[in-house]
């Protein structure tokens, strides 16, 4: 693996340190992920993401019946 040295303004370095602590990663790991994401966006080669990846922050965020998809009483009139 190659080493790259980057100069960061103090405020950006502080944000990087906070993000690394929050994620339980090194600053290098966070920078690598951010750079990979940026380069994928620029080249249009963003890897396919699953529905769970896209909506993962919503999973479990609302209350409702646990048997919504299997209980016939909730399925009455569906598709009519």
N, C-alpha and C. Protein backbone atom coordinates (compact mmCIF):
# COMPACT_ATOMS: atom_id res chain seq x y z
N UNK A 1 0.85 -1.16 0.00
CA UNK A 1 0.00 0.00 0.00
C UNK A 1 0.90 1.23 0.00
N UNK A 2 0.56 2.20 -0.81
CA UNK A 2 1.31 3.46 -0.91
C UNK A 2 0.88 4.42 0.20
N UNK A 3 1.78 5.31 0.57
CA UNK A 3 1.49 6.34 1.56
C UNK A 3 1.35 7.68 0.85
N UNK A 4 0.29 8.43 1.22
CA UNK A 4 0.06 9.76 0.67
C UNK A 4 -0.06 10.71 1.86
N UNK A 5 0.60 11.84 1.78
CA UNK A 5 0.52 12.84 2.83
C UNK A 5 -0.40 13.96 2.36
N UNK A 6 -1.33 14.35 3.22
CA UNK A 6 -2.30 15.38 2.88
C UNK A 6 -2.32 16.42 4.00
N UNK A 7 -2.30 17.69 3.63
CA UNK A 7 -2.42 18.77 4.61
C UNK A 7 -3.89 19.15 4.72
N UNK A 8 -4.40 19.19 5.96
CA UNK A 8 -5.81 19.51 6.20
C UNK A 8 -5.91 20.75 7.08
N UNK A 9 -6.89 21.59 6.81
CA UNK A 9 -7.16 22.69 7.74
C UNK A 9 -7.58 22.10 9.10
N UNK A 10 -7.34 22.83 10.15
CA UNK A 10 -7.63 22.33 11.51
C UNK A 10 -9.07 21.88 11.67
N UNK A 11 -10.00 22.65 11.13
CA UNK A 11 -11.43 22.30 11.28
C UNK A 11 -11.74 20.98 10.58
N UNK A 12 -11.19 20.78 9.39
CA UNK A 12 -11.45 19.54 8.66
C UNK A 12 -10.80 18.35 9.37
N UNK A 13 -9.62 18.55 9.92
CA UNK A 13 -8.95 17.48 10.66
C UNK A 13 -9.76 17.11 11.90
N UNK A 14 -10.33 18.10 12.57
CA UNK A 14 -11.16 17.82 13.75
C UNK A 14 -12.39 17.01 13.36
N UNK A 15 -13.02 17.37 12.24
CA UNK A 15 -14.18 16.60 11.76
C UNK A 15 -13.79 15.17 11.43
N UNK A 16 -12.63 15.01 10.80
CA UNK A 16 -12.14 13.68 10.46
C UNK A 16 -11.90 12.85 11.71
N UNK A 17 -11.29 13.45 12.72
CA UNK A 17 -11.03 12.74 13.98
C UNK A 17 -12.34 12.32 14.64
N UNK A 18 -13.33 13.21 14.65
CA UNK A 18 -14.63 12.87 15.24
C UNK A 18 -15.30 11.72 14.48
N UNK A 19 -15.25 11.78 13.15
CA UNK A 19 -15.87 10.72 12.34
C UNK A 19 -15.17 9.39 12.59
N UNK A 20 -13.87 9.39 12.69
CA UNK A 20 -13.12 8.15 12.93
C UNK A 20 -13.47 7.57 14.30
N UNK A 21 -13.55 8.42 15.31
CA UNK A 21 -13.92 7.94 16.65
C UNK A 21 -15.33 7.37 16.66
N UNK A 22 -16.27 8.10 16.03
CA UNK A 22 -17.67 7.66 15.98
C UNK A 22 -17.80 6.30 15.30
N UNK A 23 -17.02 6.09 14.25
CA UNK A 23 -17.11 4.85 13.48
C UNK A 23 -16.21 3.75 14.02
N UNK A 24 -15.35 4.08 14.96
CA UNK A 24 -14.43 3.08 15.51
C UNK A 24 -13.38 2.67 14.48
N UNK A 25 -12.97 3.63 13.65
CA UNK A 25 -12.00 3.36 12.59
C UNK A 25 -10.82 4.33 12.73
N UNK A 26 -9.78 4.07 11.97
CA UNK A 26 -8.67 5.00 11.92
C UNK A 26 -9.02 6.13 10.97
N UNK A 27 -8.29 7.24 11.09
CA UNK A 27 -8.50 8.34 10.16
C UNK A 27 -8.18 7.88 8.74
N UNK A 28 -7.18 7.05 8.59
CA UNK A 28 -6.82 6.54 7.26
C UNK A 28 -7.96 5.75 6.64
N UNK A 29 -8.63 4.93 7.45
CA UNK A 29 -9.77 4.15 6.94
C UNK A 29 -10.89 5.06 6.44
N UNK A 30 -11.19 6.11 7.22
CA UNK A 30 -12.26 7.04 6.85
C UNK A 30 -11.88 7.77 5.56
N UNK A 31 -10.64 8.22 5.45
CA UNK A 31 -10.19 8.93 4.25
C UNK A 31 -10.25 8.00 3.04
N UNK A 32 -9.80 6.75 3.19
CA UNK A 32 -9.85 5.81 2.07
C UNK A 32 -11.28 5.59 1.59
N UNK A 33 -12.23 5.39 2.53
CA UNK A 33 -13.63 5.19 2.14
C UNK A 33 -14.20 6.41 1.44
N UNK A 34 -13.89 7.60 1.96
CA UNK A 34 -14.40 8.84 1.36
C UNK A 34 -13.83 9.03 -0.04
N UNK A 35 -12.56 8.75 -0.19
CA UNK A 35 -11.91 8.90 -1.49
C UNK A 35 -12.46 7.89 -2.49
N UNK A 36 -12.66 6.67 -2.05
CA UNK A 36 -13.24 5.63 -2.91
C UNK A 36 -14.63 6.04 -3.37
N UNK A 37 -15.43 6.55 -2.44
CA UNK A 37 -16.79 6.99 -2.78
C UNK A 37 -16.76 8.14 -3.78
N UNK A 38 -15.90 9.12 -3.56
CA UNK A 38 -15.79 10.25 -4.47
C UNK A 38 -15.38 9.80 -5.86
N UNK A 39 -14.37 8.96 -5.94
CA UNK A 39 -13.88 8.51 -7.25
C UNK A 39 -14.90 7.64 -7.97
N UNK A 40 -15.66 6.84 -7.23
CA UNK A 40 -16.73 6.05 -7.85
C UNK A 40 -17.81 6.96 -8.41
N UNK A 41 -18.18 8.00 -7.66
CA UNK A 41 -19.19 8.95 -8.13
C UNK A 41 -18.72 9.66 -9.40
N UNK A 42 -17.47 10.09 -9.41
CA UNK A 42 -16.95 10.83 -10.55
C UNK A 42 -16.85 9.97 -11.81
N UNK A 43 -16.55 8.69 -11.63
CA UNK A 43 -16.38 7.82 -12.79
C UNK A 43 -17.68 7.13 -13.19
N UNK A 44 -18.71 7.27 -12.37
CA UNK A 44 -19.99 6.63 -12.69
C UNK A 44 -19.97 5.13 -12.46
N UNK A 45 -19.04 4.65 -11.67
CA UNK A 45 -18.94 3.21 -11.42
C UNK A 45 -19.37 2.87 -10.01
N UNK A 46 -20.35 3.59 -9.52
CA UNK A 46 -20.86 3.33 -8.18
C UNK A 46 -21.38 1.91 -8.12
N UNK A 47 -20.89 1.11 -7.15
CA UNK A 47 -21.38 -0.27 -7.06
C UNK A 47 -22.87 -0.31 -6.72
N UNK A 48 -23.55 -1.32 -7.22
CA UNK A 48 -24.98 -1.48 -6.95
C UNK A 48 -25.19 -1.64 -5.45
N UNK A 49 -26.24 -0.99 -4.96
CA UNK A 49 -26.54 -1.08 -3.53
C UNK A 49 -27.90 -1.77 -3.37
N UNK A 50 -28.03 -2.52 -2.31
CA UNK A 50 -29.27 -3.22 -2.05
C UNK A 50 -30.31 -2.26 -1.48
N UNK A 51 -31.55 -2.70 -1.47
CA UNK A 51 -32.62 -1.90 -0.88
C UNK A 51 -32.34 -1.66 0.61
N UNK A 52 -31.76 -2.65 1.27
CA UNK A 52 -31.43 -2.49 2.68
C UNK A 52 -30.36 -1.42 2.87
N UNK A 53 -29.36 -1.38 1.99
CA UNK A 53 -28.33 -0.34 2.06
C UNK A 53 -28.97 1.04 1.93
N UNK A 54 -29.89 1.18 0.99
CA UNK A 54 -30.50 2.47 0.71
C UNK A 54 -31.48 2.91 1.79
N UNK A 55 -32.19 1.97 2.39
CA UNK A 55 -33.22 2.33 3.37
C UNK A 55 -32.90 1.79 4.76
N UNK A 56 -31.67 1.42 4.99
CA UNK A 56 -31.28 0.81 6.26
C UNK A 56 -31.58 1.66 7.48
N UNK A 57 -31.49 2.99 7.34
CA UNK A 57 -31.77 3.85 8.48
C UNK A 57 -33.26 3.88 8.82
N UNK A 58 -34.11 3.40 7.92
CA UNK A 58 -35.55 3.40 8.17
C UNK A 58 -36.03 2.09 8.78
N UNK A 59 -35.26 1.03 8.64
CA UNK A 59 -35.66 -0.29 9.13
C UNK A 59 -35.86 -0.22 10.65
N UNK A 60 -37.04 -0.61 11.08
CA UNK A 60 -37.36 -0.63 12.50
C UNK A 60 -37.69 0.73 13.07
N UNK A 61 -37.93 1.73 12.22
CA UNK A 61 -38.16 3.08 12.72
C UNK A 61 -39.63 3.37 13.02
N UNK A 62 -40.54 2.47 12.66
CA UNK A 62 -41.95 2.68 12.95
C UNK A 62 -42.52 1.48 13.67
N UNK A 63 -43.61 1.70 14.35
CA UNK A 63 -44.29 0.63 15.07
C UNK A 63 -45.46 0.12 14.22
N UNK A 64 -45.75 -1.13 14.34
CA UNK A 64 -46.88 -1.71 13.63
C UNK A 64 -47.01 -3.17 13.99
N UNK A 65 -48.02 -3.83 13.44
CA UNK A 65 -48.20 -5.25 13.75
C UNK A 65 -47.04 -6.07 13.19
N UNK A 66 -46.57 -7.03 13.96
CA UNK A 66 -45.45 -7.86 13.54
C UNK A 66 -45.80 -8.85 12.45
N UNK A 67 -47.10 -9.10 12.24
CA UNK A 67 -47.52 -10.10 11.27
C UNK A 67 -48.20 -9.46 10.06
N UNK A 68 -47.83 -8.25 9.71
CA UNK A 68 -48.49 -7.48 8.66
C UNK A 68 -48.51 -8.22 7.32
N UNK A 69 -47.44 -8.89 6.95
CA UNK A 69 -47.38 -9.52 5.63
C UNK A 69 -47.97 -10.92 5.59
N UNK A 70 -48.29 -11.48 6.74
CA UNK A 70 -48.77 -12.87 6.74
C UNK A 70 -50.18 -13.05 7.30
N UNK A 71 -50.69 -12.10 8.02
CA UNK A 71 -52.01 -12.23 8.63
C UNK A 71 -53.08 -11.88 7.59
N UNK A 72 -53.97 -12.84 7.27
CA UNK A 72 -55.00 -12.62 6.24
C UNK A 72 -55.88 -11.40 6.50
N UNK A 73 -56.08 -11.02 7.75
CA UNK A 73 -56.96 -9.88 8.03
C UNK A 73 -56.37 -8.58 7.49
N UNK A 74 -55.05 -8.48 7.40
CA UNK A 74 -54.41 -7.28 6.85
C UNK A 74 -54.34 -7.32 5.32
N UNK A 75 -54.54 -8.50 4.73
CA UNK A 75 -54.43 -8.66 3.30
C UNK A 75 -55.77 -8.55 2.57
N UNK A 76 -56.87 -8.41 3.32
CA UNK A 76 -58.20 -8.32 2.71
C UNK A 76 -58.27 -7.13 1.76
N UNK A 77 -58.75 -7.37 0.55
CA UNK A 77 -58.93 -6.32 -0.44
C UNK A 77 -57.65 -5.93 -1.17
N UNK A 78 -56.54 -6.54 -0.83
CA UNK A 78 -55.29 -6.20 -1.50
C UNK A 78 -55.32 -6.67 -2.94
N UNK A 79 -54.99 -5.83 -3.86
CA UNK A 79 -54.95 -6.18 -5.27
C UNK A 79 -56.28 -6.08 -6.00
N UNK A 80 -57.28 -5.61 -5.32
CA UNK A 80 -58.60 -5.50 -5.96
C UNK A 80 -58.76 -4.15 -6.64
